[in-house]
Amino acid sequence: MKLGIIRCQQTEDYCPGASDFDAIHDKTGAFSGTEGDIRLIGFINCGGCPGKKAALRARELVNLGADTIAFASCVQKGTPIGYPCPYAEQMKALVLKEIGKHIAFLDYTHEPRSH
């Protein structure tokens, strides 16, 4: 898998992406059952609310070789601050339209950590 991750810009101050990277390394969360290596192509934010830049950023990740685009768990699950993106569904629709059916899409990356 060649993976591009799009995260919420609003959570960058709270989250360095460690749980995302752990899920990739350990093949847990959305990566559970993944065969073979997972190569991270890019880790970028949505561009800020309302996430309209996510489609352009997904396209660039695909241009760089990503065959899978994932929303980091902060987007739809709201981790780590407990606030899912209110634009997640519209942003997902834009991204899916942009990347087409030949690119896989994951709704999240990892399960919430217990502190």
C-alpha atoms as a PDB file:
ATOM      1  CA  MET A   1       0.000   0.000   0.000  1.00  0.00           C
ATOM      2  CA  LYS A   2       1.181   3.493  -0.855  1.00  0.00           C
ATOM      3  CA  LEU A   3      -0.661   5.740   1.567  1.00  0.00           C
ATOM      4  CA  GLY A   4      -1.504   9.416   1.665  1.00  0.00           C
ATOM      5  CA  ILE A   5      -3.109  10.781   4.842  1.00  0.00           C
ATOM      6  CA  ILE A   6      -5.181  13.942   5.099  1.00  0.00           C
ATOM      7  CA  ARG A   7      -5.600  15.305   8.603  1.00  0.00           C
ATOM      8  CA  CYS A   8      -7.579  18.111  10.236  1.00  0.00           C
ATOM      9  CA  GLN A   9      -5.674  21.390  10.324  1.00  0.00           C
ATOM     10  CA  GLN A  10      -7.443  22.364  13.545  1.00  0.00           C
ATOM     11  CA  THR A  11      -5.955  19.430  15.486  1.00  0.00           C
ATOM     12  CA  GLU A  12      -2.323  19.919  14.453  1.00  0.00           C
ATOM     13  CA  ASP A  13      -1.547  21.768  17.676  1.00  0.00           C
ATOM     14  CA  TYR A  14      -2.865  18.806  19.686  1.00  0.00           C
ATOM     15  CA  CYS A  15      -1.611  15.871  17.656  1.00  0.00           C
ATOM     16  CA  PRO A  16       1.734  15.169  15.994  1.00  0.00           C
ATOM     17  CA  GLY A  17       0.321  12.113  14.188  1.00  0.00           C
ATOM     18  CA  ALA A  18       1.955   9.543  16.475  1.00  0.00           C
ATOM     19  CA  SER A  19      -1.174   7.366  16.678  1.00  0.00           C
ATOM     20  CA  ASP A  20      -1.506   7.415  12.896  1.00  0.00           C
ATOM     21  CA  PHE A  21       2.104   6.309  12.479  1.00  0.00           C
ATOM     22  CA  ASP A  22       1.740   3.627  15.161  1.00  0.00           C
ATOM     23  CA  ALA A  23      -1.349   2.231  13.396  1.00  0.00           C
ATOM     24  CA  ILE A  24       0.582   2.055  10.124  1.00  0.00           C
ATOM     25  CA  HIS A  25       3.600   0.393  11.747  1.00  0.00           C
ATOM     26  CA  ASP A  26       1.575  -2.053  13.847  1.00  0.00           C
ATOM     27  CA  LYS A  27      -1.104  -2.596  11.170  1.00  0.00           C
ATOM     28  CA  THR A  28      -3.932  -1.810  13.535  1.00  0.00           C
ATOM     29  CA  GLY A  29      -7.069   0.302  13.121  1.00  0.00           C
ATOM     30  CA  ALA A  30      -7.843   0.875   9.457  1.00  0.00           C
ATOM     31  CA  PHE A  31      -4.675  -1.026   8.506  1.00  0.00           C
ATOM     32  CA  SER A  32      -5.627  -4.241  10.290  1.00  0.00           C
ATOM     33  CA  GLY A  33      -5.341  -7.143   7.880  1.00  0.00           C
ATOM     34  CA  THR A  34      -3.250  -5.187   5.377  1.00  0.00           C
ATOM     35  CA  GLU A  35      -0.919  -7.485   3.473  1.00  0.00           C
ATOM     36  CA  GLY A  36       2.556  -6.323   2.568  1.00  0.00           C
ATOM     37  CA  ASP A  37       4.323  -3.096   3.350  1.00  0.00           C
ATOM     38  CA  ILE A  38       2.672   0.263   3.918  1.00  0.00           C
ATOM     39  CA  ARG A  39       4.647   3.166   2.498  1.00  0.00           C
ATOM     40  CA  LEU A  40       3.609   6.631   3.658  1.00  0.00           C
ATOM     41  CA  ILE A  41       3.649   8.930   0.623  1.00  0.00           C
ATOM     42  CA  GLY A  42       2.498  12.051   2.452  1.00  0.00           C
ATOM     43  CA  PHE A  43       0.825  13.394   5.592  1.00  0.00           C
ATOM     44  CA  ILE A  44      -0.911  16.723   4.989  1.00  0.00           C
ATOM     45  CA  ASN A  45      -3.740  18.758   6.446  1.00  0.00           C
ATOM     46  CA  CYS A  46      -7.062  19.519   4.775  1.00  0.00           C
ATOM     47  CA  GLY A  47      -6.192  23.184   4.306  1.00  0.00           C
ATOM     48  CA  GLY A  48      -8.503  24.395   7.048  1.00  0.00           C
ATOM     49  CA  CYS A  49     -12.252  24.728   7.307  1.00  0.00           C
ATOM     50  CA  PRO A  50     -14.301  23.898   5.366  1.00  0.00           C
ATOM     51  CA  GLY A  51     -11.748  21.464   3.883  1.00  0.00           C
ATOM     52  CA  LYS A  52     -12.079  22.473   0.239  1.00  0.00           C
ATOM     53  CA  LYS A  53      -8.332  22.036  -0.334  1.00  0.00           C
ATOM     54  CA  ALA A  54      -8.516  18.356   0.635  1.00  0.00           C
ATOM     55  CA  ALA A  55      -9.451  17.302  -2.912  1.00  0.00           C
ATOM     56  CA  LEU A  56      -6.464  19.110  -4.415  1.00  0.00           C
ATOM     57  CA  ARG A  57      -4.192  17.671  -1.767  1.00  0.00           C
ATOM     58  CA  ALA A  58      -5.549  14.162  -2.366  1.00  0.00           C
ATOM     59  CA  ARG A  59      -4.845  14.597  -6.077  1.00  0.00           C
ATOM     60  CA  GLU A  60      -1.258  15.590  -5.326  1.00  0.00           C
ATOM     61  CA  LEU A  61      -0.792  12.567  -3.052  1.00  0.00           C
ATOM     62  CA  VAL A  62      -2.041  10.352  -5.887  1.00  0.00           C
ATOM     63  CA  ASN A  63       0.292  12.121  -8.320  1.00  0.00           C
ATOM     64  CA  LEU A  64       3.129  11.270  -5.923  1.00  0.00           C
ATOM     65  CA  GLY A  65       2.180   7.592  -6.061  1.00  0.00           C
ATOM     66  CA  ALA A  66      -0.493   7.037  -3.394  1.00  0.00           C
ATOM     67  CA  ASP A  67      -2.887   4.201  -4.176  1.00  0.00           C
ATOM     68  CA  THR A  68      -4.818   4.754  -0.941  1.00  0.00           C
ATOM     69  CA  ILE A  69      -6.030   7.994   0.656  1.00  0.00           C
ATOM     70  CA  ALA A  70      -7.029   8.017   4.321  1.00  0.00           C
ATOM     71  CA  PHE A  71      -8.625  10.641   6.486  1.00  0.00           C
ATOM     72  CA  ALA A  72      -6.745  10.701   9.782  1.00  0.00           C
ATOM     73  CA  SER A  73      -8.964   9.778  12.707  1.00  0.00           C
ATOM     74  CA  CYS A  74      -9.235  13.422  13.732  1.00  0.00           C
ATOM     75  CA  VAL A  75     -11.450  14.129  10.732  1.00  0.00           C
ATOM     76  CA  GLN A  76     -14.368  11.742  11.253  1.00  0.00           C
ATOM     77  CA  LYS A  77     -13.732  10.351  14.739  1.00  0.00           C
ATOM     78  CA  GLY A  78     -12.667  13.649  16.316  1.00  0.00           C
ATOM     79  CA  THR A  79      -9.547  12.310  18.011  1.00  0.00           C
ATOM     80  CA  PRO A  80      -7.764  13.615  20.038  1.00  0.00           C
ATOM     81  CA  ILE A  81     -10.057  16.501  21.017  1.00  0.00           C
ATOM     82  CA  GLY A  82     -13.427  14.759  20.703  1.00  0.00           C
ATOM     83  CA  TYR A  83     -14.687  17.029  17.948  1.00  0.00           C
ATOM     84  CA  PRO A  84     -15.265  15.435  14.535  1.00  0.00           C
ATOM     85  CA  CYS A  85     -15.061  17.707  11.517  1.00  0.00           C
ATOM     86  CA  PRO A  86     -18.488  19.171  10.716  1.00  0.00           C
ATOM     87  CA  TYR A  87     -17.477  19.180   7.028  1.00  0.00           C
ATOM     88  CA  ALA A  88     -16.193  15.581   6.926  1.00  0.00           C
ATOM     89  CA  GLU A  89     -18.900  14.149   4.667  1.00  0.00           C
ATOM     90  CA  GLN A  90     -18.726  17.003   2.147  1.00  0.00           C
ATOM     91  CA  MET A  91     -14.923  16.827   2.197  1.00  0.00           C
ATOM     92  CA  LYS A  92     -15.042  13.055   1.666  1.00  0.00           C
ATOM     93  CA  ALA A  93     -17.393  13.481  -1.305  1.00  0.00           C
ATOM     94  CA  LEU A  94     -15.028  16.019  -2.888  1.00  0.00           C
ATOM     95  CA  VAL A  95     -12.014  13.772  -2.334  1.00  0.00           C
ATOM     96  CA  LEU A  96     -13.749  10.683  -3.732  1.00  0.00           C
ATOM     97  CA  LYS A  97     -14.844  12.614  -6.815  1.00  0.00           C
ATOM     98  CA  GLU A  98     -11.270  13.854  -7.300  1.00  0.00           C
ATOM     99  CA  ILE A  99      -9.416  10.560  -6.829  1.00  0.00           C
ATOM    100  CA  GLY A 100     -11.832   8.299  -8.687  1.00  0.00           C
ATOM    101  CA  LYS A 101     -12.669   4.653  -8.139  1.00  0.00           C
ATOM    102  CA  HIS A 102      -9.183   3.264  -8.799  1.00  0.00           C
ATOM    103  CA  ILE A 103      -7.811   4.767  -5.560  1.00  0.00           C
ATOM    104  CA  ALA A 104      -8.808   3.189  -2.227  1.00  0.00           C
ATOM    105  CA  PHE A 105     -10.201   5.415   0.534  1.00  0.00           C
ATOM    106  CA  LEU A 106     -10.081   4.862   4.307  1.00  0.00           C
ATOM    107  CA  ASP A 107     -12.424   6.790   6.638  1.00  0.00           C
ATOM    108  CA  TYR A 108     -10.003   6.747   9.575  1.00  0.00           C
ATOM    109  CA  THR A 109      -6.534   5.603  10.617  1.00  0.00           C
ATOM    110  CA  HIS A 110      -6.596   4.502  14.255  1.00  0.00           C
ATOM    111  CA  GLU A 111      -8.817   3.886  17.239  1.00  0.00           C
ATOM    112  CA  PRO A 112      -8.790   6.503  20.014  1.00  0.00           C
ATOM    113  CA  ARG A 113      -5.988   6.046  22.533  1.00  0.00           C
ATOM    114  CA  SER A 114      -6.810   5.554  26.175  1.00  0.00           C
ATOM    115  CA  HIS A 115      -4.744   7.938  28.286  1.00  0.00           C
END
